[in-house]
PDB file of N, CA and C in Angstrom:
ATOM      1  N   MET A   1      26.325  21.521  -1.021  1.00  0.00           N
ATOM      2  CA  MET A   1      25.673  21.780   0.251  1.00  0.00           C
ATOM      3  C   MET A   1      24.819  23.039   0.127  1.00  0.00           C
ATOM      4  N   ALA A   2      23.729  23.057   0.854  1.00  0.00           N
ATOM      5  CA  ALA A   2      22.812  24.194   0.795  1.00  0.00           C
ATOM      6  C   ALA A   2      23.439  25.421   1.442  1.00  0.00           C
ATOM      7  N   ASN A   3      23.050  26.589   0.949  1.00  0.00           N
ATOM      8  CA  ASN A   3      23.636  27.831   1.428  1.00  0.00           C
ATOM      9  C   ASN A   3      22.791  28.530   2.482  1.00  0.00           C
ATOM     10  N   THR A   4      21.493  28.448   2.379  1.00  0.00           N
ATOM     11  CA  THR A   4      20.627  29.200   3.282  1.00  0.00           C
ATOM     12  C   THR A   4      20.017  28.290   4.345  1.00  0.00           C
ATOM     13  N   LYS A   5      19.536  28.924   5.414  1.00  0.00           N
ATOM     14  CA  LYS A   5      18.902  28.155   6.485  1.00  0.00           C
ATOM     15  C   LYS A   5      17.669  27.422   5.982  1.00  0.00           C
ATOM     16  N   SER A   6      16.899  28.092   5.142  1.00  0.00           N
ATOM     17  CA  SER A   6      15.672  27.467   4.643  1.00  0.00           C
ATOM     18  C   SER A   6      15.988  26.267   3.752  1.00  0.00           C
ATOM     19  N   ALA A   7      17.061  26.349   2.983  1.00  0.00           N
ATOM     20  CA  ALA A   7      17.447  25.230   2.127  1.00  0.00           C
ATOM     21  C   ALA A   7      17.908  24.039   2.966  1.00  0.00           C
ATOM     22  N   ILE A   8      18.620  24.321   4.046  1.00  0.00           N
ATOM     23  CA  ILE A   8      19.065  23.262   4.955  1.00  0.00           C
ATOM     24  C   ILE A   8      17.861  22.604   5.623  1.00  0.00           C
ATOM     25  N   LYS A   9      16.894  23.428   6.015  1.00  0.00           N
ATOM     26  CA  LYS A   9      15.683  22.884   6.638  1.00  0.00           C
ATOM     27  C   LYS A   9      14.905  22.033   5.639  1.00  0.00           C
ATOM     28  N   ASN A  10      14.847  22.489   4.385  1.00  0.00           N
ATOM     29  CA  ASN A  10      14.136  21.721   3.360  1.00  0.00           C
ATOM     30  C   ASN A  10      14.788  20.358   3.135  1.00  0.00           C
ATOM     31  N   ILE A  11      16.101  20.303   3.225  1.00  0.00           N
ATOM     32  CA  ILE A  11      16.797  19.027   3.085  1.00  0.00           C
ATOM     33  C   ILE A  11      16.408  18.099   4.227  1.00  0.00           C
ATOM     34  N   ARG A  12      16.354  18.624   5.444  1.00  0.00           N
ATOM     35  CA  ARG A  12      15.941  17.814   6.595  1.00  0.00           C
ATOM     36  C   ARG A  12      14.511  17.309   6.414  1.00  0.00           C
ATOM     37  N   LYS A  13      13.621  18.206   5.987  1.00  0.00           N
ATOM     38  CA  LYS A  13      12.218  17.825   5.796  1.00  0.00           C
ATOM     39  C   LYS A  13      12.080  16.762   4.709  1.00  0.00           C
ATOM     40  N   ASN A  14      12.816  16.942   3.620  1.00  0.00           N
ATOM     41  CA  ASN A  14      12.743  15.976   2.528  1.00  0.00           C
ATOM     42  C   ASN A  14      13.219  14.592   2.966  1.00  0.00           C
ATOM     43  N   ASN A  15      14.287  14.554   3.768  1.00  0.00           N
ATOM     44  CA  ASN A  15      14.787  13.271   4.251  1.00  0.00           C
ATOM     45  C   ASN A  15      13.768  12.597   5.161  1.00  0.00           C
ATOM     46  N   ALA A  16      13.127  13.367   6.025  1.00  0.00           N
ATOM     47  CA  ALA A  16      12.124  12.805   6.926  1.00  0.00           C
ATOM     48  C   ALA A  16      10.923  12.289   6.139  1.00  0.00           C
ATOM     49  N   ARG A  17      10.472  13.053   5.161  1.00  0.00           N
ATOM     50  CA  ARG A  17       9.337  12.640   4.338  1.00  0.00           C
ATOM     51  C   ARG A  17       9.675  11.397   3.525  1.00  0.00           C
ATOM     52  N   TYR A  18      10.907  11.353   3.004  1.00  0.00           N
ATOM     53  CA  TYR A  18      11.343  10.210   2.211  1.00  0.00           C
ATOM     54  C   TYR A  18      11.297   8.932   3.048  1.00  0.00           C
ATOM     55  N   LYS A  19      11.817   9.005   4.265  1.00  0.00           N
ATOM     56  CA  LYS A  19      11.818   7.829   5.144  1.00  0.00           C
ATOM     57  C   LYS A  19      10.397   7.389   5.476  1.00  0.00           C
ATOM     58  N   HIS A  20       9.544   8.351   5.760  1.00  0.00           N
ATOM     59  CA  HIS A  20       8.154   8.038   6.092  1.00  0.00           C
ATOM     60  C   HIS A  20       7.439   7.411   4.898  1.00  0.00           C
ATOM     61  N   ASN A  21       7.634   7.976   3.720  1.00  0.00           N
ATOM     62  CA  ASN A  21       6.988   7.454   2.517  1.00  0.00           C
ATOM     63  C   ASN A  21       7.485   6.054   2.176  1.00  0.00           C
ATOM     64  N   ARG A  22       8.787   5.803   2.345  1.00  0.00           N
ATOM     65  CA  ARG A  22       9.333   4.482   2.066  1.00  0.00           C
ATOM     66  C   ARG A  22       8.741   3.442   3.014  1.00  0.00           C
ATOM     67  N   THR A  23       8.520   3.839   4.264  1.00  0.00           N
ATOM     68  CA  THR A  23       7.915   2.934   5.235  1.00  0.00           C
ATOM     69  C   THR A  23       6.516   2.533   4.790  1.00  0.00           C
ATOM     70  N   ILE A  24       5.747   3.506   4.356  1.00  0.00           N
ATOM     71  CA  ILE A  24       4.371   3.238   3.928  1.00  0.00           C
ATOM     72  C   ILE A  24       4.355   2.351   2.683  1.00  0.00           C
ATOM     73  N   LEU A  25       5.201   2.646   1.711  1.00  0.00           N
ATOM     74  CA  LEU A  25       5.237   1.858   0.482  1.00  0.00           C
ATOM     75  C   LEU A  25       5.708   0.432   0.755  1.00  0.00           C
ATOM     76  N   SER A  26       6.639   0.282   1.678  1.00  0.00           N
ATOM     77  CA  SER A  26       7.103  -1.047   2.050  1.00  0.00           C
ATOM     78  C   SER A  26       5.979  -1.835   2.715  1.00  0.00           C
ATOM     79  N   ARG A  27       5.211  -1.166   3.561  1.00  0.00           N
ATOM     80  CA  ARG A  27       4.081  -1.814   4.230  1.00  0.00           C
ATOM     81  C   ARG A  27       3.033  -2.260   3.209  1.00  0.00           C
ATOM     82  N   LEU A  28       2.807  -1.451   2.181  1.00  0.00           N
ATOM     83  CA  LEU A  28       1.859  -1.830   1.134  1.00  0.00           C
ATOM     84  C   LEU A  28       2.303  -3.115   0.430  1.00  0.00           C
ATOM     85  N   LYS A  29       3.590  -3.203   0.124  1.00  0.00           N
ATOM     86  CA  LYS A  29       4.094  -4.400  -0.538  1.00  0.00           C
ATOM     87  C   LYS A  29       3.935  -5.624   0.358  1.00  0.00           C
ATOM     88  N   THR A  30       4.205  -5.446   1.648  1.00  0.00           N
ATOM     89  CA  THR A  30       4.075  -6.549   2.596  1.00  0.00           C
ATOM     90  C   THR A  30       2.629  -7.012   2.696  1.00  0.00           C
ATOM     91  N   LEU A  31       1.702  -6.068   2.782  1.00  0.00           N
ATOM     92  CA  LEU A  31       0.290  -6.432   2.864  1.00  0.00           C
ATOM     93  C   LEU A  31      -0.185  -7.143   1.599  1.00  0.00           C
ATOM     94  N   GLU A  32       0.302  -6.699   0.451  1.00  0.00           N
ATOM     95  CA  GLU A  32      -0.076  -7.362  -0.795  1.00  0.00           C
ATOM     96  C   GLU A  32       0.449  -8.798  -0.818  1.00  0.00           C
ATOM     97  N   LYS A  33       1.689  -8.988  -0.381  1.00  0.00           N
ATOM     98  CA  LYS A  33       2.246 -10.338  -0.348  1.00  0.00           C
ATOM     99  C   LYS A  33       1.459 -11.237   0.600  1.00  0.00           C
ATOM    100  N   LYS A  34       1.072 -10.697   1.757  1.00  0.00           N
ATOM    101  CA  LYS A  34       0.294 -11.484   2.713  1.00  0.00           C
ATOM    102  C   LYS A  34      -1.043 -11.901   2.105  1.00  0.00           C
ATOM    103  N   PHE A  35      -1.655 -10.976   1.377  1.00  0.00           N
ATOM    104  CA  PHE A  35      -2.929 -11.301   0.717  1.00  0.00           C
ATOM    105  C   PHE A  35      -2.737 -12.399  -0.320  1.00  0.00           C
ATOM    106  N   LEU A  36      -1.707 -12.285  -1.138  1.00  0.00           N
ATOM    107  CA  LEU A  36      -1.481 -13.274  -2.189  1.00  0.00           C
ATOM    108  C   LEU A  36      -1.159 -14.649  -1.600  1.00  0.00           C
ATOM    109  N   ILE A  37      -0.439 -14.680  -0.491  1.00  0.00           N
ATOM    110  CA  ILE A  37      -0.157 -15.950   0.180  1.00  0.00           C
ATOM    111  C   ILE A  37      -1.452 -16.562   0.708  1.00  0.00           C
ATOM    112  N   ALA A  38      -2.307 -15.722   1.260  1.00  0.00           N
ATOM    113  CA  ALA A  38      -3.596 -16.212   1.758  1.00  0.00           C
ATOM    114  C   ALA A  38      -4.458 -16.753   0.622  1.00  0.00           C
ATOM    115  N   VAL A  39      -4.383 -16.103  -0.537  1.00  0.00           N
ATOM    116  CA  VAL A  39      -5.151 -16.564  -1.694  1.00  0.00           C
ATOM    117  C   VAL A  39      -4.617 -17.916  -2.177  1.00  0.00           C
ATOM    118  N   GLU A  40      -3.298 -18.054  -2.191  1.00  0.00           N
ATOM    119  CA  GLU A  40      -2.712 -19.320  -2.638  1.00  0.00           C
ATOM    120  C   GLU A  40      -3.072 -20.470  -1.707  1.00  0.00           C
ATOM    121  N   SER A  41      -3.209 -20.161  -0.416  1.00  0.00           N
ATOM    122  CA  SER A  41      -3.569 -21.209   0.544  1.00  0.00           C
ATOM    123  C   SER A  41      -5.075 -21.491   0.527  1.00  0.00           C
ATOM    124  N   LYS A  42      -5.813 -20.689  -0.216  1.00  0.00           N
ATOM    125  CA  LYS A  42      -7.276 -20.835  -0.383  1.00  0.00           C
ATOM    126  C   LYS A  42      -8.034 -20.728   0.941  1.00  0.00           C
ATOM    127  N   ASP A  43      -7.499 -19.896   1.833  1.00  0.00           N
ATOM    128  CA  ASP A  43      -8.164 -19.635   3.115  1.00  0.00           C
ATOM    129  C   ASP A  43      -9.041 -18.397   2.950  1.00  0.00           C
ATOM    130  N   GLN A  44     -10.361 -18.600   2.932  1.00  0.00           N
ATOM    131  CA  GLN A  44     -11.276 -17.494   2.643  1.00  0.00           C
ATOM    132  C   GLN A  44     -11.269 -16.432   3.727  1.00  0.00           C
ATOM    133  N   ASP A  45     -11.277 -16.853   4.995  1.00  0.00           N
ATOM    134  CA  ASP A  45     -11.325 -15.883   6.091  1.00  0.00           C
ATOM    135  C   ASP A  45     -10.062 -15.037   6.140  1.00  0.00           C
ATOM    136  N   LEU A  46      -8.917 -15.694   6.055  1.00  0.00           N
ATOM    137  CA  LEU A  46      -7.647 -14.974   6.086  1.00  0.00           C
ATOM    138  C   LEU A  46      -7.518 -14.057   4.875  1.00  0.00           C
ATOM    139  N   SER A  47      -7.969 -14.533   3.725  1.00  0.00           N
ATOM    140  CA  SER A  47      -7.903 -13.717   2.511  1.00  0.00           C
ATOM    141  C   SER A  47      -8.767 -12.474   2.639  1.00  0.00           C
ATOM    142  N   ALA A  48      -9.961 -12.634   3.200  1.00  0.00           N
ATOM    143  CA  ALA A  48     -10.874 -11.492   3.335  1.00  0.00           C
ATOM    144  C   ALA A  48     -10.318 -10.458   4.307  1.00  0.00           C
ATOM    145  N   THR A  49      -9.768 -10.912   5.424  1.00  0.00           N
ATOM    146  CA  THR A  49      -9.227  -9.953   6.405  1.00  0.00           C
ATOM    147  C   THR A  49      -7.974  -9.270   5.874  1.00  0.00           C
ATOM    148  N   SER A  50      -7.112 -10.037   5.199  1.00  0.00           N
ATOM    149  CA  SER A  50      -5.902  -9.420   4.655  1.00  0.00           C
ATOM    150  C   SER A  50      -6.238  -8.466   3.505  1.00  0.00           C
ATOM    151  N   LEU A  51      -7.285  -8.783   2.752  1.00  0.00           N
ATOM    152  CA  LEU A  51      -7.697  -7.877   1.679  1.00  0.00           C
ATOM    153  C   LEU A  51      -8.228  -6.563   2.244  1.00  0.00           C
ATOM    154  N   SER A  52      -9.014  -6.641   3.302  1.00  0.00           N
ATOM    155  CA  SER A  52      -9.565  -5.409   3.868  1.00  0.00           C
ATOM    156  C   SER A  52      -8.464  -4.521   4.435  1.00  0.00           C
ATOM    157  N   SER A  53      -7.464  -5.111   5.081  1.00  0.00           N
ATOM    158  CA  SER A  53      -6.367  -4.296   5.611  1.00  0.00           C
ATOM    159  C   SER A  53      -5.522  -3.725   4.472  1.00  0.00           C
ATOM    160  N   TYR A  54      -5.347  -4.489   3.401  1.00  0.00           N
ATOM    161  CA  TYR A  54      -4.586  -4.013   2.246  1.00  0.00           C
ATOM    162  C   TYR A  54      -5.308  -2.858   1.558  1.00  0.00           C
ATOM    163  N   ILE A  55      -6.606  -2.992   1.362  1.00  0.00           N
ATOM    164  CA  ILE A  55      -7.379  -1.939   0.714  1.00  0.00           C
ATOM    165  C   ILE A  55      -7.385  -0.676   1.573  1.00  0.00           C
ATOM    166  N   SER A  56      -7.500  -0.846   2.873  1.00  0.00           N
ATOM    167  CA  SER A  56      -7.470   0.304   3.775  1.00  0.00           C
ATOM    168  C   SER A  56      -6.146   1.055   3.664  1.00  0.00           C
ATOM    169  N   ALA A  57      -5.049   0.316   3.642  1.00  0.00           N
ATOM    170  CA  ALA A  57      -3.735   0.950   3.521  1.00  0.00           C
ATOM    171  C   ALA A  57      -3.576   1.627   2.163  1.00  0.00           C
ATOM    172  N   LEU A  58      -4.115   1.005   1.119  1.00  0.00           N
ATOM    173  CA  LEU A  58      -4.051   1.618  -0.213  1.00  0.00           C
ATOM    174  C   LEU A  58      -4.810   2.943  -0.243  1.00  0.00           C
ATOM    175  N   GLU A  59      -5.994   2.946   0.358  1.00  0.00           N
ATOM    176  CA  GLU A  59      -6.798   4.170   0.362  1.00  0.00           C
ATOM    177  C   GLU A  59      -6.100   5.295   1.141  1.00  0.00           C
ATOM    178  N   LYS A  60      -5.459   4.949   2.245  1.00  0.00           N
ATOM    179  CA  LYS A  60      -4.727   5.963   3.008  1.00  0.00           C
ATOM    180  C   LYS A  60      -3.557   6.510   2.200  1.00  0.00           C
ATOM    181  N   ALA A  61      -2.863   5.628   1.476  1.00  0.00           N
ATOM    182  CA  ALA A  61      -1.745   6.069   0.646  1.00  0.00           C
ATOM    183  C   ALA A  61      -2.237   6.941  -0.499  1.00  0.00           C
ATOM    184  N   LYS A  62      -3.418   6.618  -1.020  1.00  0.00           N
ATOM    185  CA  LYS A  62      -3.996   7.426  -2.097  1.00  0.00           C
ATOM    186  C   LYS A  62      -4.363   8.818  -1.582  1.00  0.00           C
ATOM    187  N   LYS A  63      -4.881   8.859  -0.360  1.00  0.00           N
ATOM    188  CA  LYS A  63      -5.308  10.134   0.217  1.00  0.00           C
ATOM    189  C   LYS A  63      -4.133  11.092   0.371  1.00  0.00           C
ATOM    190  N   SER A  64      -2.950  10.559   0.670  1.00  0.00           N
ATOM    191  CA  SER A  64      -1.780  11.413   0.826  1.00  0.00           C
ATOM    192  C   SER A  64      -0.958  11.501  -0.459  1.00  0.00           C
ATOM    193  N   SER A  65      -1.522  11.036  -1.573  1.00  0.00           N
ATOM    194  CA  SER A  65      -0.914  11.110  -2.912  1.00  0.00           C
ATOM    195  C   SER A  65       0.396  10.333  -3.008  1.00  0.00           C
ATOM    196  N   LEU A  66       0.541   9.286  -2.228  1.00  0.00           N
ATOM    197  CA  LEU A  66       1.714   8.429  -2.368  1.00  0.00           C
ATOM    198  C   LEU A  66       1.540   7.446  -3.514  1.00  0.00           C
ATOM    199  N   VAL A  67       0.301   7.037  -3.734  1.00  0.00           N
ATOM    200  CA  VAL A  67      -0.013   6.092  -4.796  1.00  0.00           C
ATOM    201  C   VAL A  67      -1.099   6.723  -5.656  1.00  0.00           C
ATOM    202  N   HIS A  68      -0.959   6.587  -6.958  1.00  0.00           N
ATOM    203  CA  HIS A  68      -1.920   7.182  -7.880  1.00  0.00           C
ATOM    204  C   HIS A  68      -3.283   6.500  -7.731  1.00  0.00           C
ATOM    205  N   ALA A  69      -4.312   7.277  -7.889  1.00  0.00           N
ATOM    206  CA  ALA A  69      -5.675   6.783  -7.698  1.00  0.00           C
ATOM    207  C   ALA A  69      -6.013   5.642  -8.648  1.00  0.00           C
ATOM    208  N   ASN A  70      -5.548   5.726  -9.885  1.00  0.00           N
ATOM    209  CA  ASN A  70      -5.831   4.660 -10.847  1.00  0.00           C
ATOM    210  C   ASN A  70      -5.146   3.354 -10.447  1.00  0.00           C
ATOM    211  N   LYS A  71      -3.956   3.461  -9.891  1.00  0.00           N
ATOM    212  CA  LYS A  71      -3.255   2.260  -9.439  1.00  0.00           C
ATOM    213  C   LYS A  71      -4.006   1.607  -8.288  1.00  0.00           C
ATOM    214  N   VAL A  72      -4.541   2.432  -7.386  1.00  0.00           N
ATOM    215  CA  VAL A  72      -5.315   1.903  -6.267  1.00  0.00           C
ATOM    216  C   VAL A  72      -6.557   1.186  -6.785  1.00  0.00           C
ATOM    217  N   SER A  73      -7.239   1.795  -7.723  1.00  0.00           N
ATOM    218  CA  SER A  73      -8.437   1.179  -8.302  1.00  0.00           C
ATOM    219  C   SER A  73      -8.108  -0.143  -8.982  1.00  0.00           C
ATOM    220  N   ARG A  74      -7.005  -0.171  -9.713  1.00  0.00           N
ATOM    221  CA  ARG A  74      -6.590  -1.386 -10.410  1.00  0.00           C
ATOM    222  C   ARG A  74      -6.262  -2.504  -9.417  1.00  0.00           C
ATOM    223  N   LYS A  75      -5.516  -2.168  -8.360  1.00  0.00           N
ATOM    224  CA  LYS A  75      -5.156  -3.162  -7.347  1.00  0.00           C
ATOM    225  C   LYS A  75      -6.396  -3.689  -6.631  1.00  0.00           C
ATOM    226  N   LYS A  76      -7.301  -2.793  -6.276  1.00  0.00           N
ATOM    227  CA  LYS A  76      -8.520  -3.211  -5.589  1.00  0.00           C
ATOM    228  C   LYS A  76      -9.343  -4.152  -6.473  1.00  0.00           C
ATOM    229  N   SER A  77      -9.452  -3.816  -7.725  1.00  0.00           N
ATOM    230  CA  SER A  77     -10.237  -4.622  -8.651  1.00  0.00           C
ATOM    231  C   SER A  77      -9.636  -6.010  -8.817  1.00  0.00           C
ATOM    232  N   ARG A  78      -8.343  -6.073  -9.017  1.00  0.00           N
ATOM    233  CA  ARG A  78      -7.687  -7.361  -9.240  1.00  0.00           C
ATOM    234  C   ARG A  78      -7.725  -8.228  -7.986  1.00  0.00           C
ATOM    235  N   CYS A  79      -7.515  -7.610  -6.839  1.00  0.00           N
ATOM    236  CA  CYS A  79      -7.552  -8.374  -5.590  1.00  0.00           C
ATOM    237  C   CYS A  79      -8.964  -8.868  -5.291  1.00  0.00           C
ATOM    238  N   SER A  80      -9.945  -8.047  -5.563  1.00  0.00           N
ATOM    239  CA  SER A  80     -11.331  -8.463  -5.328  1.00  0.00           C
ATOM    240  C   SER A  80     -11.713  -9.624  -6.245  1.00  0.00           C
ATOM    241  N   SER A  81     -11.252  -9.585  -7.476  1.00  0.00           N
ATOM    242  CA  SER A  81     -11.561 -10.682  -8.382  1.00  0.00           C
ATOM    243  C   SER A  81     -10.857 -11.965  -7.945  1.00  0.00           C
ATOM    244  N   LEU A  82      -9.654 -11.842  -7.397  1.00  0.00           N
ATOM    245  CA  LEU A  82      -8.963 -13.013  -6.860  1.00  0.00           C
ATOM    246  C   LEU A  82      -9.741 -13.612  -5.697  1.00  0.00           C
ATOM    247  N   LEU A  83     -10.210 -12.739  -4.829  1.00  0.00           N
ATOM    248  CA  LEU A  83     -10.977 -13.202  -3.663  1.00  0.00           C
ATOM    249  C   LEU A  83     -12.271 -13.885  -4.100  1.00  0.00           C
ATOM    250  N   SER A  84     -12.944 -13.319  -5.085  1.00  0.00           N
ATOM    251  CA  SER A  84     -14.195 -13.930  -5.545  1.00  0.00           C
ATOM    252  C   SER A  84     -13.934 -15.255  -6.243  1.00  0.00           C
ATOM    253  N   SER A  85     -12.782 -15.399  -6.883  1.00  0.00           N
ATOM    254  CA  SER A  85     -12.459 -16.677  -7.525  1.00  0.00           C
ATOM    255  C   SER A  85     -12.240 -17.774  -6.493  1.00  0.00           C
ATOM    256  N   ILE A  86     -11.737 -17.398  -5.308  1.00  0.00           N
ATOM    257  CA  ILE A  86     -11.573 -18.382  -4.231  1.00  0.00           C
ATOM    258  C   ILE A  86     -12.942 -18.807  -3.716  1.00  0.00           C
ATOM    259  N   LYS A  87     -13.835 -17.843  -3.534  1.00  0.00           N
ATOM    260  CA  LYS A  87     -15.145 -18.143  -2.979  1.00  0.00           C
ATOM    261  C   LYS A  87     -15.965 -19.011  -3.939  1.00  0.00           C
ATOM    262  N   ASN A  88     -15.765 -18.802  -5.239  1.00  0.00           N
ATOM    263  CA  ASN A  88     -16.536 -19.572  -6.212  1.00  0.00           C
ATOM    264  C   ASN A  88     -16.033 -21.001  -6.366  1.00  0.00           C
ATOM    265  N   SER A  89     -14.755 -21.214  -6.106  1.00  0.00           N
ATOM    266  CA  SER A  89     -14.209 -22.565  -6.306  1.00  0.00           C
ATOM    267  C   SER A  89     -14.243 -23.426  -5.065  1.00  0.00           C
TER     268      SER A  89
END
């Protein structure tokens, strides 16, 4: 157990941040799954809207350093190529 008031406060802050970060990361996974389901159903409109919301959430997570910038770039690139493959077929 922490000994000082500041250490106790830091534990509280860390727990709050952890819960908030887990919520955001869980939402990212959900949005990615929704996009992939839309791609499998070959629905162009749904895929485009779900991709834009997914990319927006990724960029926000990148801004707060929850997700590494290279990972965001990789996800955006792969998802965009999936979307373009639907439009071409």
